[in-house]
Amino acid sequence: MKILGILNITEDSFTDGGKYLAPMDAMAHADNLLADGADILDIGAASSHPDAKAVSPEIEIARLETVVGPLHDIGASLSIDSFSTPVQRWAIRQGVDYLNDIHGFADPGLYPDLAAAHAKLIVMHMVQEQGIATVGKAIRADIPPEEIFDRILGFFEKRLTALTQAGVAPERLILDPGMGFFLSSNPLASLTVLQRLPELGEAFGLPLLVSVSRKSFLKALPGTQEEAGLAAELLATAHGADYIRTHAPAALRDGLKVLASLDENTH
């Protein structure tokens, strides 16, 4: 299992907007994430939370340029979190290891570039077809929890077919079912998907990524949001997640060590 440490170089990410916008602060946080056990740095330069402002591709790229080169120089494995086609093309030219798209690579015009690239692709499902996560009913209607899993299966069937027919090798694909407002304002939607992760893995035979860190649906669970998030991450791992995207790699790393020790001592 691999841990993606979240590095937001944005003004308005939900919990850490503005904290790492300055290149020096971003690099210091990247160093901390790696020291805490992150295998991959997932770098986002434009927030996707419901109240975020739009960011042009030029600004995204300018922010990313301040950290991608230096992080490459220290040998860090990098993922670029963006749904902007110009930003994704820029990231491919930089030779990053992963591209992470909340809309699951919806632009067919990008597919020849994706097919020719070497980066692994994190194909995320999102109820909304374009833009940032928005909970307003005027933009989209929430899918009922009892219907969300079939909706996710249908999305991946269609999108994976399109990507592989365009020449993207299946072994480069990683599936992210989405969590929180990417699915619904109803916490049960995210909890349903967490419970059914094994079915998703069996359906497509591809690696799964789960990102529950600091998501709003965790408030429906006992304990603090941090405690609930760690518990959900460990549950996702137990249910077959191959990648966990998190703000807190140290806590997850330690929790995984405890689970491994328990497994060794109970068999």
Foldseek 3Di string as FASTA:
>chain_A
DAEEAEQELAQPAPPCHPQQVDLVSSVVLVVVVVVLGHQEYEYEDFHQDAVGDDDDLVSRVVSCVSPLVVCVVVPHQYEYEDQDLVNVLVVQVSQHAEYEYQLQNPDLVCLLVQLPGNHAYEGEQFPQNDGGQHADVVRHDADDLVCLVVVLVVVCVVSVVSNVVSRHDQQSYEYEHDAASSHHVALSNRVSCLVCVLVVCVSRVYAYEYEDEPHPSLVVDPDDSRVSRLVSVVSSVVSGHPYYYYNRSNSNVVVVVVVVVVVVVVD
